[in-house]
Amino acid sequence: QKSYVNRTEWESFLSPGNEAMVISDDEKKVLISYHETLIKEAHVKAKEESLIDIDEFRDDHDQVKDFCHKFPRVALLHIHPGGTVKRETAIHALEEINPV
């Protein structure tokens, strides 16, 4: 028994030829709602489990810059632009706040 899916098989799963397999607008809304719930739950859990609370200085760019410079280099601070609400937020973080 095979334990992987090759690219051709994966593409066939993503492009169903059977109309019964097409996701309706209502189903898309359900999926989006479900994913939003998962994201919110993960956010809450991450904040609860984190040892660092950056909310204390999130809006103070000088403190953020100082924090980033002091952060141990065994980890790479980064952002996931797809996770931001607005494209401008990611651009601002990458172009103006980025202390590197």
Protein backbone atom coordinates (compact mmCIF):
# COMPACT_ATOMS: atom_id res chain seq x y z
CA GLN A 1 0.00 0.00 0.00
CA LYS A 2 1.34 3.39 -1.06
CA SER A 3 1.77 6.05 1.66
CA TYR A 4 2.12 9.11 -0.56
CA VAL A 5 0.28 11.00 -3.28
CA ASN A 6 2.21 12.16 -6.32
CA ARG A 7 1.66 15.56 -7.92
CA THR A 8 -0.58 14.24 -10.73
CA GLU A 9 -2.85 12.48 -8.24
CA TRP A 10 -2.97 15.59 -6.04
CA GLU A 11 -3.93 17.78 -9.00
CA SER A 12 -6.69 15.33 -9.90
CA PHE A 13 -8.08 15.66 -6.37
CA LEU A 14 -8.07 19.45 -6.67
CA SER A 15 -9.74 19.47 -10.08
CA PRO A 16 -12.73 17.16 -9.76
CA GLY A 17 -14.47 16.39 -13.04
CA ASN A 18 -17.63 15.30 -11.27
CA GLU A 19 -20.04 18.19 -10.62
CA ALA A 20 -21.14 16.48 -7.40
CA MET A 21 -17.62 17.13 -6.08
CA VAL A 22 -17.72 20.90 -6.67
CA ILE A 23 -17.93 22.95 -3.49
CA SER A 24 -20.94 25.25 -3.38
CA ASP A 25 -20.84 28.85 -2.15
CA ASP A 26 -22.63 27.77 1.03
CA GLU A 27 -20.05 25.04 1.63
CA LYS A 28 -17.26 27.56 1.07
CA LYS A 29 -18.82 29.82 3.70
CA VAL A 30 -18.94 26.91 6.16
CA LEU A 31 -15.27 26.08 5.46
CA ILE A 32 -14.21 29.70 5.84
CA SER A 33 -16.11 29.99 9.10
CA TYR A 34 -14.57 26.75 10.36
CA HIS A 35 -11.06 27.92 9.46
CA GLU A 36 -11.64 31.30 11.12
CA THR A 37 -12.70 29.47 14.29
CA LEU A 38 -9.56 27.30 14.19
CA ILE A 39 -7.39 30.39 13.72
CA LYS A 40 -9.02 32.20 16.65
CA GLU A 41 -8.65 29.14 18.90
CA ALA A 42 -4.99 28.75 17.92
CA HIS A 43 -4.40 32.46 18.60
CA VAL A 44 -5.90 32.22 22.08
CA LYS A 45 -3.95 29.04 22.85
CA ALA A 46 -0.67 30.56 21.63
CA LYS A 47 -1.17 33.67 23.79
CA GLU A 48 -1.98 31.52 26.83
CA GLU A 49 1.07 29.31 26.35
CA SER A 50 3.57 31.99 25.34
CA LEU A 51 6.25 33.00 27.79
CA ILE A 52 6.50 36.42 26.16
CA ASP A 53 3.68 38.96 26.12
CA ILE A 54 4.50 41.42 23.36
CA ASP A 55 1.18 43.19 23.84
CA GLU A 56 2.92 45.18 26.57
CA PHE A 57 5.06 46.93 23.93
CA ARG A 58 3.49 46.04 20.57
CA ASP A 59 2.69 49.67 19.68
CA ASP A 60 6.06 51.06 20.76
CA HIS A 61 8.30 50.65 17.71
CA ASP A 62 11.46 51.45 19.66
CA GLN A 63 10.72 48.71 22.19
CA VAL A 64 9.86 46.25 19.40
CA LYS A 65 13.16 47.04 17.69
CA ASP A 66 15.05 46.66 20.97
CA PHE A 67 13.28 43.37 21.70
CA CYS A 68 14.15 42.01 18.24
CA HIS A 69 17.82 42.94 18.66
CA LYS A 70 17.96 41.20 22.06
CA PHE A 71 16.04 38.11 20.96
CA PRO A 72 18.19 34.95 20.99
CA ARG A 73 19.43 34.13 17.51
CA VAL A 74 18.45 30.47 17.85
CA ALA A 75 15.05 31.56 16.60
CA LEU A 76 14.08 33.57 13.57
CA LEU A 77 11.47 36.25 14.09
CA HIS A 78 9.25 36.51 11.07
CA ILE A 79 5.72 37.25 9.99
CA HIS A 80 3.26 35.41 7.82
CA PRO A 81 1.80 38.06 5.52
CA GLY A 82 -1.08 35.74 4.62
CA GLY A 83 -2.11 35.85 8.25
CA THR A 84 -2.48 39.61 8.42
CA VAL A 85 -5.77 41.32 7.86
CA LYS A 86 -4.43 43.96 5.52
CA ARG A 87 -1.66 43.88 2.94
CA GLU A 88 -0.55 47.29 4.15
CA THR A 89 0.14 45.81 7.59
CA ALA A 90 2.62 43.31 6.15
CA ILE A 91 4.27 45.94 3.98
CA HIS A 92 4.60 48.28 6.97
CA ALA A 93 6.11 45.51 9.10
CA LEU A 94 8.56 44.44 6.42
CA GLU A 95 9.62 47.86 5.15
CA GLU A 96 9.36 50.21 8.10
CA ILE A 97 9.48 48.24 11.36
CA ASN A 98 11.87 45.48 10.35
CA PRO A 99 14.97 46.16 12.43
CA VAL A 100 17.32 44.20 10.18
